[in-house]
Amino acid sequence: MKSIDIDWLTYLILLLASYRLTHLIVFDKITEFIRNPFLKKEIVTDEKGEEHVKKVPTSKFGYLLNCYWCAGIWSAIFITIAFIWIPDFSWPVIFILSIAGGQAILETFVGVGTKLVKWFSER
């Protein structure tokens, strides 16, 4: 098998793209229509005795769409294969996903930081 030489920046871009694609598949509202046919609503009772509606997978494919770790493996495989086999087509998509992934991570830190500042200012 041919060895692939990837520099650290390309690796980081692939990593962020895989992160964002995984999040898109598992969590984002815009892809809910893909997940919903493979999930069912179930009433669960927590340790306090309160009932909550939870979406649970109806199949292994539903589990894949609902599991961050599972979808992450497949996203990484998809991103890597696309990068290697069809780089001219996949690179713009990978690049956009990586920018969105980096932005999502930054937004998380900013959001947590904002909440911490508010919390400390109330004390």
N, C-alpha and C. Protein backbone atom coordinates (compact mmCIF):
# COMPACT_ATOMS: atom_id res chain seq x y z
N MET A 1 0.84 -1.19 0.00
CA MET A 1 0.00 0.00 0.00
C MET A 1 0.88 1.25 0.00
N LYS A 2 0.47 2.23 -0.74
CA LYS A 2 1.21 3.48 -0.86
C LYS A 2 1.12 4.28 0.44
N SER A 3 2.23 4.81 0.87
CA SER A 3 2.28 5.63 2.07
C SER A 3 1.81 7.05 1.72
N ILE A 4 1.06 7.64 2.65
CA ILE A 4 0.55 8.99 2.44
C ILE A 4 1.26 9.91 3.43
N ASP A 5 1.87 10.94 2.90
CA ASP A 5 2.58 11.90 3.72
C ASP A 5 1.67 13.10 3.96
N ILE A 6 1.21 13.26 5.21
CA ILE A 6 0.29 14.35 5.55
C ILE A 6 0.98 15.26 6.57
N ASP A 7 1.02 16.54 6.27
CA ASP A 7 1.61 17.49 7.22
C ASP A 7 0.62 17.77 8.35
N TRP A 8 1.09 18.42 9.40
CA TRP A 8 0.27 18.64 10.58
C TRP A 8 -0.95 19.52 10.30
N LEU A 9 -0.82 20.49 9.40
CA LEU A 9 -1.95 21.37 9.09
C LEU A 9 -3.05 20.61 8.35
N THR A 10 -2.66 19.77 7.40
CA THR A 10 -3.64 18.96 6.69
C THR A 10 -4.34 18.00 7.65
N TYR A 11 -3.55 17.42 8.55
CA TYR A 11 -4.12 16.51 9.56
C TYR A 11 -5.13 17.26 10.43
N LEU A 12 -4.80 18.46 10.86
CA LEU A 12 -5.70 19.27 11.68
C LEU A 12 -6.98 19.59 10.91
N ILE A 13 -6.85 19.93 9.64
CA ILE A 13 -8.03 20.21 8.81
C ILE A 13 -8.92 18.98 8.69
N LEU A 14 -8.32 17.83 8.46
CA LEU A 14 -9.08 16.58 8.38
C LEU A 14 -9.76 16.26 9.71
N LEU A 15 -9.06 16.48 10.80
CA LEU A 15 -9.60 16.24 12.13
C LEU A 15 -10.81 17.13 12.40
N LEU A 16 -10.68 18.42 12.13
CA LEU A 16 -11.80 19.35 12.35
C LEU A 16 -12.98 19.04 11.44
N ALA A 17 -12.71 18.65 10.20
CA ALA A 17 -13.78 18.29 9.27
C ALA A 17 -14.52 17.06 9.76
N SER A 18 -13.79 16.06 10.24
CA SER A 18 -14.41 14.85 10.76
C SER A 18 -15.25 15.17 12.00
N TYR A 19 -14.72 16.04 12.86
CA TYR A 19 -15.46 16.46 14.06
C TYR A 19 -16.79 17.11 13.66
N ARG A 20 -16.72 18.03 12.71
CA ARG A 20 -17.93 18.76 12.33
C ARG A 20 -18.94 17.87 11.63
N LEU A 21 -18.47 16.97 10.76
CA LEU A 21 -19.37 16.04 10.09
C LEU A 21 -20.05 15.12 11.10
N THR A 22 -19.30 14.65 12.08
CA THR A 22 -19.87 13.79 13.12
C THR A 22 -20.94 14.54 13.89
N HIS A 23 -20.65 15.76 14.28
CA HIS A 23 -21.62 16.56 15.04
C HIS A 23 -22.87 16.82 14.19
N LEU A 24 -22.67 17.08 12.92
CA LEU A 24 -23.78 17.30 12.00
C LEU A 24 -24.69 16.07 11.95
N ILE A 25 -24.11 14.90 11.87
CA ILE A 25 -24.88 13.66 11.79
C ILE A 25 -25.62 13.36 13.09
N VAL A 26 -24.94 13.50 14.22
CA VAL A 26 -25.48 13.02 15.49
C VAL A 26 -26.35 14.05 16.22
N PHE A 27 -26.01 15.33 16.15
CA PHE A 27 -26.65 16.32 17.02
C PHE A 27 -27.46 17.41 16.33
N ASP A 28 -27.08 17.84 15.15
CA ASP A 28 -27.67 19.05 14.59
C ASP A 28 -29.12 18.86 14.17
N LYS A 29 -29.90 19.90 14.39
CA LYS A 29 -31.33 19.91 14.08
C LYS A 29 -31.57 19.71 12.57
N ILE A 30 -30.70 20.26 11.76
CA ILE A 30 -30.91 20.23 10.31
C ILE A 30 -30.87 18.80 9.75
N THR A 31 -30.21 17.88 10.44
CA THR A 31 -30.15 16.48 9.96
C THR A 31 -31.07 15.56 10.77
N GLU A 32 -31.95 16.14 11.55
CA GLU A 32 -32.89 15.35 12.35
C GLU A 32 -33.76 14.45 11.46
N PHE A 33 -34.10 14.93 10.27
CA PHE A 33 -34.94 14.15 9.35
C PHE A 33 -34.25 12.85 8.92
N ILE A 34 -32.92 12.82 8.96
CA ILE A 34 -32.19 11.59 8.63
C ILE A 34 -32.25 10.61 9.81
N ARG A 35 -32.14 11.12 11.03
CA ARG A 35 -32.13 10.27 12.23
C ARG A 35 -33.50 9.76 12.61
N ASN A 36 -34.53 10.59 12.48
CA ASN A 36 -35.86 10.27 13.01
C ASN A 36 -36.45 8.93 12.55
N PRO A 37 -36.32 8.52 11.28
CA PRO A 37 -36.90 7.22 10.91
C PRO A 37 -36.26 6.03 11.64
N PHE A 38 -35.09 6.24 12.24
CA PHE A 38 -34.38 5.15 12.90
C PHE A 38 -34.40 5.27 14.42
N LEU A 39 -35.24 6.19 14.93
CA LEU A 39 -35.36 6.39 16.37
C LEU A 39 -36.82 6.33 16.77
N LYS A 40 -37.07 5.89 18.00
CA LYS A 40 -38.44 5.91 18.53
C LYS A 40 -38.42 6.62 19.87
N LYS A 41 -39.55 7.20 20.22
CA LYS A 41 -39.65 7.90 21.50
C LYS A 41 -40.05 6.89 22.58
N GLU A 42 -39.35 6.97 23.70
CA GLU A 42 -39.60 6.06 24.81
C GLU A 42 -39.64 6.87 26.09
N ILE A 43 -40.55 6.55 26.98
CA ILE A 43 -40.64 7.25 28.26
C ILE A 43 -39.72 6.53 29.24
N VAL A 44 -38.80 7.29 29.84
CA VAL A 44 -37.87 6.73 30.83
C VAL A 44 -38.05 7.48 32.14
N THR A 45 -37.78 6.77 33.23
CA THR A 45 -37.88 7.36 34.56
C THR A 45 -36.47 7.51 35.13
N ASP A 46 -36.15 8.73 35.57
CA ASP A 46 -34.82 8.96 36.13
C ASP A 46 -34.77 8.55 37.59
N GLU A 47 -33.61 8.74 38.23
CA GLU A 47 -33.42 8.32 39.62
C GLU A 47 -34.29 9.09 40.60
N LYS A 48 -34.81 10.25 40.21
CA LYS A 48 -35.70 11.04 41.05
C LYS A 48 -37.16 10.63 40.87
N GLY A 49 -37.42 9.71 39.95
CA GLY A 49 -38.78 9.25 39.67
C GLY A 49 -39.52 10.10 38.65
N GLU A 50 -38.82 11.04 38.02
CA GLU A 50 -39.44 11.89 37.01
C GLU A 50 -39.37 11.22 35.65
N GLU A 51 -40.44 11.34 34.88
CA GLU A 51 -40.49 10.74 33.55
C GLU A 51 -40.03 11.74 32.49
N HIS A 52 -39.28 11.22 31.52
CA HIS A 52 -38.78 12.02 30.41
C HIS A 52 -38.95 11.22 29.12
N VAL A 53 -39.13 11.94 28.02
CA VAL A 53 -39.18 11.29 26.72
C VAL A 53 -37.77 11.27 26.15
N LYS A 54 -37.34 10.09 25.73
CA LYS A 54 -36.00 9.92 25.19
C LYS A 54 -36.11 9.23 23.85
N LYS A 55 -35.30 9.65 22.89
CA LYS A 55 -35.27 8.99 21.59
C LYS A 55 -34.25 7.86 21.65
N VAL A 56 -34.69 6.64 21.31
CA VAL A 56 -33.80 5.48 21.34
C VAL A 56 -33.76 4.85 19.95
N PRO A 57 -32.63 4.27 19.58
CA PRO A 57 -32.49 3.65 18.26
C PRO A 57 -33.40 2.44 18.09
N THR A 58 -33.89 2.26 16.86
CA THR A 58 -34.71 1.09 16.54
C THR A 58 -33.91 0.03 15.78
N SER A 59 -32.66 0.36 15.43
CA SER A 59 -31.82 -0.58 14.67
C SER A 59 -30.36 -0.23 14.90
N LYS A 60 -29.49 -1.05 14.36
CA LYS A 60 -28.05 -0.77 14.47
C LYS A 60 -27.70 0.52 13.70
N PHE A 61 -28.37 0.75 12.59
CA PHE A 61 -28.14 1.98 11.84
C PHE A 61 -28.60 3.19 12.66
N GLY A 62 -29.72 3.06 13.36
CA GLY A 62 -30.19 4.12 14.25
C GLY A 62 -29.20 4.38 15.37
N TYR A 63 -28.61 3.31 15.88
CA TYR A 63 -27.59 3.46 16.92
C TYR A 63 -26.38 4.21 16.36
N LEU A 64 -26.00 3.87 15.14
CA LEU A 64 -24.88 4.55 14.49
C LEU A 64 -25.15 6.04 14.36
N LEU A 65 -26.36 6.42 13.99
CA LEU A 65 -26.72 7.82 13.81
C LEU A 65 -26.88 8.56 15.14
N ASN A 66 -27.00 7.82 16.23
CA ASN A 66 -27.25 8.41 17.54
C ASN A 66 -26.02 8.34 18.45
N CYS A 67 -24.98 7.65 18.03
CA CYS A 67 -23.78 7.43 18.85
C CYS A 67 -22.63 8.27 18.30
N TYR A 68 -22.16 9.21 19.11
CA TYR A 68 -21.09 10.10 18.67
C TYR A 68 -19.82 9.33 18.33
N TRP A 69 -19.47 8.35 19.14
CA TRP A 69 -18.24 7.58 18.92
C TRP A 69 -18.35 6.75 17.64
N CYS A 70 -19.50 6.13 17.42
CA CYS A 70 -19.71 5.30 16.22
C CYS A 70 -19.68 6.16 14.96
N ALA A 71 -20.46 7.22 14.96
CA ALA A 71 -20.51 8.10 13.80
C ALA A 71 -19.15 8.75 13.55
N GLY A 72 -18.39 9.00 14.62
CA GLY A 72 -17.07 9.59 14.49
C GLY A 72 -16.11 8.71 13.71
N ILE A 73 -16.16 7.41 13.96
CA ILE A 73 -15.31 6.48 13.22
C ILE A 73 -15.66 6.52 11.74
N TRP A 74 -16.95 6.43 11.43
CA TRP A 74 -17.38 6.41 10.03
C TRP A 74 -17.14 7.75 9.35
N SER A 75 -17.30 8.84 10.08
CA SER A 75 -16.99 10.16 9.50
C SER A 75 -15.52 10.26 9.17
N ALA A 76 -14.67 9.79 10.06
CA ALA A 76 -13.23 9.83 9.82
C ALA A 76 -12.86 8.98 8.61
N ILE A 77 -13.47 7.81 8.50
CA ILE A 77 -13.21 6.94 7.35
C ILE A 77 -13.67 7.63 6.06
N PHE A 78 -14.86 8.19 6.06
CA PHE A 78 -15.41 8.86 4.89
C PHE A 78 -14.54 10.05 4.47
N ILE A 79 -14.17 10.89 5.44
CA ILE A 79 -13.35 12.07 5.16
C ILE A 79 -11.99 11.64 4.60
N THR A 80 -11.37 10.64 5.20
CA THR A 80 -10.05 10.18 4.77
C THR A 80 -10.09 9.59 3.36
N ILE A 81 -11.06 8.73 3.11
CA ILE A 81 -11.17 8.13 1.78
C ILE A 81 -11.46 9.19 0.72
N ALA A 82 -12.34 10.12 1.03
CA ALA A 82 -12.63 11.19 0.08
C ALA A 82 -11.39 12.03 -0.19
N PHE A 83 -10.64 12.33 0.86
CA PHE A 83 -9.41 13.13 0.72
C PHE A 83 -8.38 12.41 -0.16
N ILE A 84 -8.27 11.10 0.01
CA ILE A 84 -7.26 10.33 -0.74
C ILE A 84 -7.71 10.06 -2.17
N TRP A 85 -8.96 9.63 -2.36
CA TRP A 85 -9.41 9.18 -3.68
C TRP A 85 -9.92 10.29 -4.60
N ILE A 86 -10.59 11.29 -4.03
CA ILE A 86 -11.15 12.36 -4.86
C ILE A 86 -10.81 13.73 -4.26
N PRO A 87 -9.53 14.04 -4.16
CA PRO A 87 -9.12 15.27 -3.47
C PRO A 87 -9.63 16.55 -4.13
N ASP A 88 -9.71 16.59 -5.46
CA ASP A 88 -10.17 17.82 -6.12
C ASP A 88 -11.61 18.15 -5.77
N PHE A 89 -12.43 17.14 -5.62
CA PHE A 89 -13.83 17.34 -5.28
C PHE A 89 -14.01 17.53 -3.77
N SER A 90 -13.31 16.70 -2.98
CA SER A 90 -13.57 16.67 -1.54
C SER A 90 -12.88 17.80 -0.77
N TRP A 91 -11.76 18.30 -1.28
CA TRP A 91 -11.02 19.29 -0.50
C TRP A 91 -11.84 20.54 -0.15
N PRO A 92 -12.60 21.13 -1.06
CA PRO A 92 -13.41 22.30 -0.66
C PRO A 92 -14.43 21.96 0.44
N VAL A 93 -15.05 20.80 0.36
CA VAL A 93 -16.03 20.38 1.37
C VAL A 93 -15.32 20.15 2.71
N ILE A 94 -14.18 19.46 2.67
CA ILE A 94 -13.41 19.20 3.89
C ILE A 94 -12.96 20.52 4.51
N PHE A 95 -12.51 21.44 3.68
CA PHE A 95 -12.04 22.73 4.18
C PHE A 95 -13.17 23.50 4.86
N ILE A 96 -14.34 23.53 4.24
CA ILE A 96 -15.50 24.22 4.82
C ILE A 96 -15.91 23.55 6.14
N LEU A 97 -15.96 22.22 6.15
CA LEU A 97 -16.30 21.50 7.39
C LEU A 97 -15.29 21.80 8.49
N SER A 98 -14.01 21.90 8.13
CA SER A 98 -12.98 22.17 9.14
C SER A 98 -13.12 23.58 9.72
N ILE A 99 -13.44 24.54 8.88
CA ILE A 99 -13.66 25.89 9.39
C ILE A 99 -14.87 25.90 10.33
N ALA A 100 -15.94 25.24 9.93
CA ALA A 100 -17.14 25.17 10.78
C ALA A 100 -16.85 24.41 12.08
N GLY A 101 -16.01 23.38 12.01
CA GLY A 101 -15.63 22.64 13.22
C GLY A 101 -14.82 23.49 14.17
N GLY A 102 -13.85 24.21 13.64
CA GLY A 102 -13.06 25.11 14.47
C GLY A 102 -13.91 26.20 15.09
N GLN A 103 -14.82 26.73 14.30
CA GLN A 103 -15.73 27.78 14.80
C GLN A 103 -16.61 27.22 15.92
N ALA A 104 -17.10 26.00 15.77
CA ALA A 104 -17.95 25.38 16.80
C ALA A 104 -17.19 25.20 18.11
N ILE A 105 -15.93 24.78 18.01
CA ILE A 105 -15.11 24.61 19.21
C ILE A 105 -14.87 25.97 19.88
N LEU A 106 -14.52 26.98 19.08
CA LEU A 106 -14.33 28.32 19.65
C LEU A 106 -15.60 28.84 20.30
N GLU A 107 -16.72 28.65 19.65
CA GLU A 107 -18.01 29.12 20.19
C GLU A 107 -18.32 28.44 21.52
N THR A 108 -17.98 27.17 21.63
CA THR A 108 -18.19 26.46 22.89
C THR A 108 -17.39 27.10 24.00
N PHE A 109 -16.11 27.40 23.74
CA PHE A 109 -15.28 28.05 24.76
C PHE A 109 -15.77 29.45 25.09
N VAL A 110 -16.18 30.20 24.09
CA VAL A 110 -16.70 31.55 24.33
C VAL A 110 -17.98 31.46 25.15
N GLY A 111 -18.88 30.53 24.80
CA GLY A 111 -20.13 30.36 25.54
C GLY A 111 -19.89 29.98 26.99
N VAL A 112 -18.98 29.05 27.22
CA VAL A 112 -18.65 28.65 28.59
C VAL A 112 -18.01 29.82 29.33
N GLY A 113 -17.11 30.53 28.65
CA GLY A 113 -16.46 31.68 29.27
C GLY A 113 -17.46 32.76 29.64
N THR A 114 -18.42 33.02 28.76
CA THR A 114 -19.45 34.02 29.02
C THR A 114 -20.29 33.62 30.23
N LYS A 115 -20.65 32.35 30.32
CA LYS A 115 -21.43 31.86 31.46
C LYS A 115 -20.63 31.95 32.76
N LEU A 116 -19.33 31.66 32.69
CA LEU A 116 -18.48 31.78 33.88
C LEU A 116 -18.37 33.22 34.35
N VAL A 117 -18.18 34.13 33.41
CA VAL A 117 -18.09 35.55 33.77
C VAL A 117 -19.39 36.00 34.43
N LYS A 118 -20.52 35.60 33.86
CA LYS A 118 -21.81 35.96 34.44
C LYS A 118 -21.96 35.36 35.83
N TRP A 119 -21.57 34.09 35.98
CA TRP A 119 -21.67 33.42 37.27
C TRP A 119 -20.83 34.12 38.32
N PHE A 120 -19.56 34.46 37.96
CA PHE A 120 -18.69 35.15 38.91
C PHE A 120 -19.19 36.54 39.24
N SER A 121 -19.77 37.24 38.26
CA SER A 121 -20.25 38.59 38.51
C SER A 121 -21.48 38.60 39.42
N GLU A 122 -22.20 37.50 39.46
CA GLU A 122 -23.37 37.40 40.34
C GLU A 122 -22.99 37.04 41.77
N ARG A 123 -21.75 36.67 41.99
CA ARG A 123 -21.30 36.25 43.32
C ARG A 123 -20.77 37.41 44.10
